[in-house]
Amino acid sequence: MWVEERTDKKGKTTYKYIERFENPETKKLIKKSITLEKNNRQVWNFAQKELNRMIAEETDKVKAKSQENGIIPNDKTLGDMIDEWFLEINDPRSIRPVKGSTLSGYSYGIDALKNKLMILEINMRVQDVTFDDVQAFYDRMTFDIGYQKSYVKRFRAIIRGAFTLAYKKRYVRNLDQIHFSRIKEPLKTIQDMEKRQIPRYFEKDEVKKIFEICNSYNPLYTQVFELQYLTGMRFGEVMALEEKNFREGFLLDIHGTFDNAVRSKTRRKKVPPKTKKSFRTIELGDKAVEIIKSRIYHNQFIKDKKTNFLFVTRHGKPYDLGTLNGFLNAHQQEFGITTKASTHVFRHTHISLLAEKKVPLQVIMERVGHEDRETTEKIYMHVTKKQKTDLLKTLNSF
């Protein structure tokens, strides 16, 4: 509080006692004042009490108005709400616990938002972030940076989570920011349609060459790639296999996956599969059976093996995804193919082989554990299109 001396035209002197306070809604500084005729210690104390009362009344009015509008006065920033949301979904007692690998992905996404992509918006009060702000962010990601829609969706999940939590805690009036904002897609050209991305897979002759080269360097790595090629399993599903999953000589229970995510709290542990469809039992051909039996025999000679996993290093630990993909990348030039090799491409190749043999789409989806038919369907349609081309060659040979 401070005092300003005032003298009017008639020569009368008065004292204006002033106090500044922050509006809890707008965060702007506001002045309250009271004018008295004296300036001494007793009057000063009286003025302070009176101003405190006036400020309290004003603050209560603002808070009451905010609560009428559905908001609890707060200083929470968008960054604060993202952190609170991440802590909430990390809690194992959460209504819908999130898998460790998913949490790991969110963790990297949050880092990107805070340090690179939303530097301005992240420090705004969450109640001040508008639809325009969120929409501008999506547009920036899509049109300026050129991210694919599927990638921007990862950031949208984080932003939606933060706003939904803020709404539950009554920090924002509504969820217009996330309900009305959209991830737009650039208008597709003819060239875009022609370049419609087909999931990568190898041709038969390419696979043969890849296996020959890989086998000359590391036969045990090659077994992993071959089993994916013969079954369509994901890398994590292969790593999670235990001897008990192989039964009746030709059946394989795929009842989990191995978590390879770097920031996951379940890293290097067997966890539930990706989707309900991923929890499945498949039939094995002779070559796949041979690989599994070979592994069971090989593992007998590993000293101090502390896990039941089938596909492990000489130290008894499941292979790391980055290590095997790095191995394939190191020999890419030797393969002599344009398709970039990775463990997941062997899974796609299995789908292409089944499509080539005209196995029904639904049967393929069940075998590889696909809940979403998009990837399977794209490969299936591409293989079918190639077969139509071969048919035309046959017709022209008559």
Protein backbone atom coordinates (compact mmCIF):
# COMPACT_ATOMS: atom_id res chain seq x y z
CA MET A 1 0.00 0.00 0.00
CA TRP A 2 1.11 3.51 -0.68
CA VAL A 3 -0.38 6.97 -0.13
CA GLU A 4 -0.72 9.94 -2.46
CA GLU A 5 -1.30 13.45 -1.11
CA ARG A 6 -3.97 15.49 -2.94
CA THR A 7 -4.87 19.22 -2.57
CA ASP A 8 -8.07 20.54 -4.16
CA LYS A 9 -8.76 24.05 -5.52
CA LYS A 10 -9.93 25.27 -2.12
CA GLY A 11 -6.63 24.22 -0.55
CA LYS A 12 -8.03 21.22 1.29
CA THR A 13 -5.54 18.34 1.61
CA THR A 14 -6.62 14.69 1.53
CA TYR A 15 -4.73 11.42 1.35
CA LYS A 16 -5.45 8.64 -1.13
CA TYR A 17 -4.43 5.19 0.15
CA ILE A 18 -3.86 2.74 -2.73
CA GLU A 19 -3.32 -1.02 -2.94
CA ARG A 20 -2.65 -3.12 -6.03
CA PHE A 21 -3.86 -6.72 -6.44
CA GLU A 22 -4.11 -9.35 -9.17
CA ASN A 23 -7.46 -10.31 -10.68
CA PRO A 24 -7.63 -14.13 -10.22
CA GLU A 25 -9.50 -14.52 -13.53
CA THR A 26 -7.60 -12.24 -15.92
CA LYS A 27 -4.30 -12.09 -13.99
CA LYS A 28 -4.23 -8.32 -14.59
CA LEU A 29 -3.18 -5.92 -11.84
CA ILE A 30 -6.02 -3.76 -10.44
CA LYS A 31 -5.93 -0.82 -8.04
CA LYS A 32 -8.25 -0.23 -5.10
CA SER A 33 -8.14 3.04 -3.17
CA ILE A 34 -9.70 4.91 -0.27
CA THR A 35 -9.43 8.68 0.42
CA LEU A 36 -9.06 9.91 4.01
CA GLU A 37 -8.35 13.29 5.59
CA LYS A 38 -5.38 12.33 7.73
CA ASN A 39 -2.06 10.54 7.32
CA ASN A 40 -0.80 8.98 10.50
CA ARG A 41 -0.15 5.48 11.86
CA GLN A 42 -3.69 4.97 13.12
CA VAL A 43 -5.28 6.09 9.85
CA TRP A 44 -2.73 4.04 7.88
CA ASN A 45 -3.76 0.85 9.75
CA PHE A 46 -7.45 1.64 9.21
CA ALA A 47 -6.87 2.19 5.47
CA GLN A 48 -4.98 -1.09 5.14
CA LYS A 49 -7.79 -3.07 6.77
CA GLU A 50 -10.43 -1.35 4.66
CA LEU A 51 -8.52 -1.96 1.43
CA ASN A 52 -7.98 -5.62 2.36
CA ARG A 53 -11.74 -5.94 2.87
CA MET A 54 -12.49 -4.31 -0.49
CA ILE A 55 -9.97 -6.53 -2.28
CA ALA A 56 -11.39 -9.66 -0.65
CA GLU A 57 -14.89 -8.71 -1.78
CA GLU A 58 -13.69 -8.08 -5.33
CA THR A 59 -11.79 -11.37 -5.42
CA ASP A 60 -14.78 -13.30 -4.08
CA LYS A 61 -16.99 -11.78 -6.77
CA VAL A 62 -14.56 -12.85 -9.51
CA LYS A 63 -14.28 -16.37 -8.09
CA ALA A 64 -18.05 -16.68 -7.76
CA LYS A 65 -18.50 -15.52 -11.35
CA SER A 66 -15.87 -18.01 -12.54
CA GLN A 67 -17.57 -20.86 -10.69
CA GLU A 68 -20.91 -19.86 -12.19
CA ASN A 69 -19.25 -20.22 -15.60
CA GLY A 70 -17.92 -23.64 -14.61
CA ILE A 71 -14.28 -22.69 -14.01
CA ILE A 72 -12.18 -22.92 -10.88
CA PRO A 73 -9.66 -20.03 -10.97
CA ASN A 74 -6.25 -21.44 -11.78
CA ASP A 75 -2.87 -20.69 -13.33
CA LYS A 76 -2.43 -24.09 -15.00
CA THR A 77 -0.57 -23.96 -18.30
CA LEU A 78 -1.03 -26.38 -21.17
CA GLY A 79 2.37 -27.82 -20.24
CA ASP A 80 1.21 -28.36 -16.66
CA MET A 81 -1.87 -30.25 -17.83
CA ILE A 82 0.14 -32.43 -20.19
CA ASP A 83 2.40 -33.38 -17.26
CA GLU A 84 -0.57 -34.10 -14.99
CA TRP A 85 -2.25 -36.20 -17.69
CA PHE A 86 0.95 -38.22 -18.24
CA LEU A 87 1.25 -38.87 -14.49
CA GLU A 88 -2.37 -40.00 -14.40
CA ILE A 89 -2.05 -42.53 -17.22
CA ASN A 90 1.21 -43.75 -15.65
CA ASP A 91 -0.69 -44.73 -12.50
CA PRO A 92 -1.29 -48.53 -12.49
CA ARG A 93 -4.52 -47.85 -10.55
CA SER A 94 -5.87 -45.85 -13.47
CA ILE A 95 -9.27 -46.88 -14.85
CA ARG A 96 -7.61 -47.62 -18.19
CA PRO A 97 -3.94 -48.48 -17.62
CA VAL A 98 -1.72 -47.75 -20.62
CA LYS A 99 0.92 -50.17 -21.91
CA GLY A 100 4.54 -49.35 -21.26
CA SER A 101 5.41 -49.13 -24.96
CA THR A 102 2.56 -46.64 -25.48
CA LEU A 103 3.73 -44.58 -22.51
CA SER A 104 7.22 -44.55 -23.98
CA GLY A 105 5.85 -43.17 -27.25
CA TYR A 106 3.88 -40.49 -25.40
CA SER A 107 7.02 -39.55 -23.47
CA TYR A 108 8.94 -38.81 -26.68
CA GLY A 109 5.93 -36.96 -28.08
CA ILE A 110 5.71 -34.73 -25.00
CA ASP A 111 9.41 -33.92 -25.28
CA ALA A 112 8.89 -32.87 -28.91
CA LEU A 113 5.88 -30.69 -28.03
CA LYS A 114 7.65 -28.93 -25.18
CA ASN A 115 11.05 -28.41 -26.75
CA LYS A 116 10.31 -27.94 -30.41
CA LEU A 117 6.74 -27.99 -31.72
CA MET A 118 4.62 -25.99 -29.21
CA ILE A 119 7.17 -23.71 -27.57
CA LEU A 120 4.73 -20.76 -27.38
CA GLU A 121 1.46 -22.57 -26.66
CA ILE A 122 2.94 -24.84 -24.00
CA ASN A 123 3.36 -21.91 -21.57
CA MET A 124 -0.11 -20.43 -22.15
CA ARG A 125 -2.75 -20.82 -19.46
CA VAL A 126 -4.83 -23.79 -20.51
CA GLN A 127 -8.05 -21.72 -20.26
CA ASP A 128 -6.55 -19.19 -22.68
CA VAL A 129 -5.69 -21.75 -25.37
CA THR A 130 -8.35 -21.40 -28.06
CA PHE A 131 -9.65 -23.52 -30.91
CA ASP A 132 -7.61 -21.30 -33.24
CA ASP A 133 -4.41 -22.09 -31.34
CA VAL A 134 -4.93 -25.86 -31.53
CA GLN A 135 -6.04 -25.75 -35.16
CA ALA A 136 -3.03 -23.61 -36.09
CA PHE A 137 -0.77 -26.21 -34.48
CA TYR A 138 -2.29 -29.07 -36.52
CA ASP A 139 -2.04 -27.00 -39.70
CA ARG A 140 1.58 -26.16 -38.94
CA MET A 141 2.46 -29.82 -38.47
CA THR A 142 0.66 -30.85 -41.68
CA PHE A 143 1.28 -28.05 -44.16
CA ASP A 144 4.47 -26.34 -42.95
CA ILE A 145 6.48 -29.28 -41.62
CA GLY A 146 4.81 -31.93 -43.77
CA TYR A 147 4.13 -34.62 -41.16
CA GLN A 148 1.84 -37.49 -42.13
CA LYS A 149 -1.64 -37.50 -40.57
CA SER A 150 -0.85 -40.72 -38.68
CA TYR A 151 2.12 -38.99 -37.02
CA VAL A 152 0.19 -35.83 -36.06
CA LYS A 153 -2.45 -38.06 -34.45
CA ARG A 154 0.11 -39.01 -31.80
CA PHE A 155 0.36 -35.37 -30.73
CA ARG A 156 -3.41 -34.99 -30.88
CA ALA A 157 -3.78 -37.85 -28.37
CA ILE A 158 -1.56 -35.97 -25.91
CA ILE A 159 -3.36 -32.64 -26.40
CA ARG A 160 -6.78 -34.28 -26.09
CA GLY A 161 -5.70 -36.02 -22.90
CA ALA A 162 -4.47 -32.76 -21.35
CA PHE A 163 -7.64 -30.82 -22.19
CA THR A 164 -9.94 -33.62 -21.08
CA LEU A 165 -8.22 -33.72 -17.68
CA ALA A 166 -8.42 -29.92 -17.44
CA TYR A 167 -12.15 -30.11 -18.13
CA LYS A 168 -12.65 -32.80 -15.47
CA LYS A 169 -10.87 -30.56 -12.96
CA ARG A 170 -12.95 -27.54 -14.06
CA TYR A 171 -9.94 -25.59 -15.28
CA VAL A 172 -11.61 -24.94 -18.66
CA ARG A 173 -15.26 -24.23 -19.52
CA ASN A 174 -15.60 -26.67 -22.41
CA LEU A 175 -13.69 -28.84 -24.85
CA ASP A 176 -14.32 -26.81 -27.99
CA GLN A 177 -10.55 -26.68 -28.59
CA ILE A 178 -10.39 -30.43 -29.26
CA HIS A 179 -13.94 -31.10 -30.45
CA PHE A 180 -13.83 -28.66 -33.34
CA SER A 181 -10.15 -28.77 -34.35
CA ARG A 182 -9.21 -31.16 -37.14
CA ILE A 183 -6.08 -32.66 -38.66
CA LYS A 184 -6.50 -31.67 -42.28
CA GLU A 185 -4.98 -33.45 -45.23
CA PRO A 186 -3.48 -31.70 -48.26
CA LEU A 187 -5.51 -32.05 -51.44
CA LYS A 188 -4.29 -35.19 -53.16
CA THR A 189 -2.92 -34.93 -56.69
CA ILE A 190 -2.89 -37.63 -59.36
CA GLN A 191 0.76 -38.20 -58.53
CA ASP A 192 -0.11 -38.76 -54.87
CA MET A 193 -2.70 -41.36 -55.81
CA GLU A 194 -0.22 -43.11 -58.06
CA LYS A 195 2.34 -43.16 -55.25
CA ARG A 196 -0.14 -44.53 -52.70
CA GLN A 197 2.10 -46.19 -50.20
CA ILE A 198 2.07 -49.97 -50.12
CA PRO A 199 3.52 -51.58 -46.98
CA ARG A 200 7.00 -52.84 -47.83
CA TYR A 201 7.56 -56.53 -48.53
CA PHE A 202 10.18 -58.66 -50.28
CA GLU A 203 9.86 -60.79 -53.40
CA LYS A 204 10.66 -64.50 -53.08
CA ASP A 205 14.02 -64.28 -54.83
CA GLU A 206 14.97 -61.29 -52.62
CA VAL A 207 14.15 -63.23 -49.47
CA LYS A 208 16.28 -66.15 -50.58
CA LYS A 209 19.27 -63.89 -51.19
CA ILE A 210 18.79 -62.04 -47.88
CA PHE A 211 18.71 -65.28 -45.90
CA GLU A 212 21.83 -66.60 -47.63
CA ILE A 213 23.79 -63.44 -46.80
CA CYS A 214 22.48 -63.16 -43.21
CA ASN A 215 23.17 -66.85 -42.57
CA SER A 216 26.80 -66.42 -43.59
CA TYR A 217 27.23 -63.77 -40.85
CA ASN A 218 24.87 -64.87 -38.06
CA PRO A 219 22.70 -68.01 -38.42
CA LEU A 220 20.91 -67.31 -35.11
CA TYR A 221 19.74 -63.88 -36.30
CA THR A 222 18.62 -65.50 -39.54
CA GLN A 223 16.36 -67.89 -37.64
CA VAL A 224 14.45 -64.92 -36.22
CA PHE A 225 13.95 -63.42 -39.68
CA GLU A 226 12.93 -66.78 -41.14
CA LEU A 227 10.36 -67.43 -38.44
CA GLN A 228 8.78 -64.02 -39.07
CA TYR A 229 8.75 -64.79 -42.80
CA LEU A 230 7.11 -68.18 -42.21
CA THR A 231 4.52 -67.06 -39.62
CA GLY A 232 3.92 -63.31 -39.99
CA MET A 233 4.75 -62.70 -36.33
CA ARG A 234 5.85 -59.31 -35.06
CA PHE A 235 9.41 -59.12 -33.75
CA GLY A 236 8.18 -58.62 -30.16
CA GLU A 237 5.95 -61.70 -30.47
CA VAL A 238 8.92 -63.83 -31.56
CA MET A 239 11.01 -62.55 -28.63
CA ALA A 240 8.21 -63.38 -26.17
CA LEU A 241 7.96 -67.04 -27.26
CA GLU A 242 8.60 -69.67 -24.61
CA GLU A 243 8.99 -73.42 -25.02
CA LYS A 244 5.55 -73.98 -23.49
CA ASN A 245 4.00 -72.00 -26.37
CA PHE A 246 5.05 -74.74 -28.83
CA ARG A 247 2.70 -77.68 -28.54
CA GLU A 248 1.36 -80.74 -30.30
CA GLY A 249 4.26 -80.54 -32.72
CA PHE A 250 2.74 -77.92 -35.04
CA LEU A 251 0.80 -75.35 -33.00
CA LEU A 252 2.19 -72.09 -31.60
CA ASP A 253 0.45 -69.98 -28.96
CA ILE A 254 1.19 -66.28 -29.46
CA HIS A 255 0.08 -65.01 -26.07
CA GLY A 256 2.24 -61.96 -25.47
CA THR A 257 4.85 -59.61 -26.80
CA PHE A 258 8.28 -58.48 -25.63
CA ASP A 259 8.48 -54.81 -24.70
CA ASN A 260 11.46 -53.17 -26.43
CA ALA A 261 10.40 -49.54 -25.88
CA VAL A 262 13.30 -47.55 -24.42
CA ARG A 263 11.35 -45.47 -21.87
CA SER A 264 8.85 -48.15 -20.91
CA LYS A 265 8.61 -49.23 -17.28
CA THR A 266 8.01 -52.79 -18.54
CA ARG A 267 11.04 -52.69 -20.86
CA ARG A 268 12.50 -56.13 -21.63
CA LYS A 269 9.53 -57.93 -20.10
CA LYS A 270 6.75 -60.03 -21.59
CA VAL A 271 3.51 -58.05 -21.70
CA PRO A 272 0.00 -58.58 -23.11
CA PRO A 273 -0.20 -58.49 -26.93
CA LYS A 274 -0.90 -55.40 -29.00
CA THR A 275 -4.63 -56.12 -29.48
CA LYS A 276 -7.18 -58.82 -28.61
CA LYS A 277 -6.76 -60.24 -32.12
CA SER A 278 -3.04 -60.57 -31.44
CA PHE A 279 -3.75 -63.18 -28.74
CA ARG A 280 -3.92 -66.20 -31.03
CA THR A 281 -2.77 -69.71 -31.89
CA ILE A 282 -1.35 -70.46 -35.33
CA GLU A 283 -0.34 -73.54 -37.30
CA LEU A 284 3.31 -74.04 -38.24
CA GLY A 285 4.82 -75.50 -41.39
CA ASP A 286 7.70 -77.98 -41.29
CA LYS A 287 10.42 -75.33 -41.70
CA ALA A 288 9.05 -73.21 -38.81
CA VAL A 289 8.84 -76.31 -36.60
CA GLU A 290 12.45 -77.10 -37.46
CA ILE A 291 13.59 -73.60 -36.42
CA ILE A 292 11.82 -73.79 -33.06
CA LYS A 293 13.15 -77.27 -32.29
CA SER A 294 16.63 -76.09 -33.22
CA ARG A 295 16.31 -73.22 -30.74
CA ILE A 296 15.12 -75.49 -27.96
CA TYR A 297 18.17 -77.71 -28.54
CA HIS A 298 20.56 -74.74 -28.82
CA ASN A 299 19.36 -73.18 -25.55
CA GLN A 300 20.38 -76.27 -23.57
CA PHE A 301 23.99 -75.17 -23.95
CA ILE A 302 23.54 -71.63 -22.64
CA LYS A 303 25.05 -71.39 -19.17
CA ASP A 304 23.03 -69.75 -16.41
CA LYS A 305 19.99 -69.17 -18.65
CA LYS A 306 17.57 -67.28 -16.38
CA THR A 307 14.58 -66.87 -18.70
CA ASN A 308 12.24 -69.20 -20.54
CA PHE A 309 12.42 -67.23 -23.78
CA LEU A 310 13.36 -69.21 -26.89
CA PHE A 311 15.19 -66.60 -28.95
CA VAL A 312 18.02 -65.33 -26.79
CA THR A 313 21.67 -64.33 -27.01
CA ARG A 314 24.49 -66.47 -25.67
CA HIS A 315 23.94 -64.62 -22.38
CA GLY A 316 20.32 -65.77 -22.27
CA LYS A 317 18.73 -62.37 -23.01
CA PRO A 318 16.15 -61.74 -25.77
CA TYR A 319 17.53 -59.93 -28.82
CA ASP A 320 17.18 -56.17 -29.04
CA LEU A 321 15.09 -54.84 -31.94
CA GLY A 322 17.59 -52.08 -32.69
CA THR A 323 20.45 -54.59 -32.84
CA LEU A 324 18.76 -56.83 -35.43
CA ASN A 325 17.51 -53.92 -37.51
CA GLY A 326 21.02 -52.47 -37.36
CA PHE A 327 22.39 -55.80 -38.59
CA LEU A 328 20.03 -55.74 -41.59
CA ASN A 329 20.87 -52.10 -42.31
CA ALA A 330 24.61 -52.85 -42.25
CA HIS A 331 24.16 -55.44 -45.01
CA GLN A 332 21.58 -53.54 -47.08
CA GLN A 333 23.99 -52.96 -49.97
CA GLU A 334 24.93 -56.63 -50.11
CA PHE A 335 21.26 -57.55 -50.47
CA GLY A 336 21.18 -55.54 -53.69
CA ILE A 337 17.52 -54.54 -53.28
CA THR A 338 15.75 -51.18 -53.16
CA THR A 339 13.35 -52.17 -50.36
CA LYS A 340 14.82 -51.04 -47.03
CA ALA A 341 15.19 -54.16 -44.90
CA SER A 342 13.82 -54.37 -41.37
CA THR A 343 12.42 -57.15 -39.23
CA HIS A 344 8.85 -55.95 -39.82
CA VAL A 345 9.18 -56.35 -43.59
CA PHE A 346 9.43 -60.13 -43.12
CA ARG A 347 5.99 -60.01 -41.46
CA HIS A 348 4.58 -58.12 -44.44
CA THR A 349 6.24 -60.59 -46.79
CA HIS A 350 4.37 -63.46 -45.14
CA ILE A 351 1.11 -61.62 -45.83
CA SER A 352 2.09 -61.17 -49.49
CA LEU A 353 2.84 -64.90 -49.83
CA LEU A 354 -0.57 -65.86 -48.43
CA ALA A 355 -2.26 -63.32 -50.72
CA GLU A 356 -0.40 -64.80 -53.68
CA LYS A 357 -1.80 -68.22 -52.73
CA LYS A 358 -5.29 -66.64 -52.66
CA VAL A 359 -5.80 -67.27 -48.94
CA PRO A 360 -8.92 -65.29 -47.91
CA LEU A 361 -8.23 -61.84 -46.46
CA GLN A 362 -9.99 -62.59 -43.16
CA VAL A 363 -7.96 -65.78 -42.65
CA ILE A 364 -4.72 -63.82 -43.19
CA MET A 365 -5.81 -61.14 -40.70
CA GLU A 366 -6.53 -63.78 -38.05
CA ARG A 367 -3.19 -65.49 -38.63
CA VAL A 368 -1.10 -62.33 -38.30
CA GLY A 369 -3.24 -60.78 -35.53
CA HIS A 370 -4.43 -57.73 -37.45
CA GLU A 371 -7.45 -55.98 -35.96
CA ASP A 372 -7.31 -53.16 -38.50
CA ARG A 373 -7.60 -54.54 -42.03
CA GLU A 374 -5.85 -51.57 -43.73
CA THR A 375 -2.28 -52.93 -43.85
CA THR A 376 -3.34 -56.47 -44.78
CA GLU A 377 -5.72 -55.17 -47.42
CA LYS A 378 -3.14 -52.88 -49.04
CA ILE A 379 -0.66 -55.74 -49.46
CA TYR A 380 -3.42 -58.10 -50.59
CA MET A 381 -4.70 -55.69 -53.24
CA HIS A 382 -1.18 -54.95 -54.50
CA VAL A 383 -0.37 -58.64 -54.92
CA THR A 384 -3.72 -59.22 -56.66
CA LYS A 385 -3.01 -56.32 -59.03
CA LYS A 386 0.33 -57.91 -59.98
CA GLN A 387 -1.43 -61.22 -60.63
CA LYS A 388 -3.83 -59.45 -63.00
CA THR A 389 -0.81 -58.16 -64.93
CA ASP A 390 0.54 -61.70 -65.15
CA LEU A 391 -2.88 -62.85 -66.38
CA LEU A 392 -2.79 -60.30 -69.18
CA LYS A 393 0.62 -61.60 -70.28
CA THR A 394 -0.82 -65.10 -70.32
CA LEU A 395 -3.81 -64.00 -72.41
CA ASN A 396 -1.56 -62.25 -74.91
CA SER A 397 0.50 -65.41 -75.33
CA PHE A 398 -2.44 -67.37 -76.83
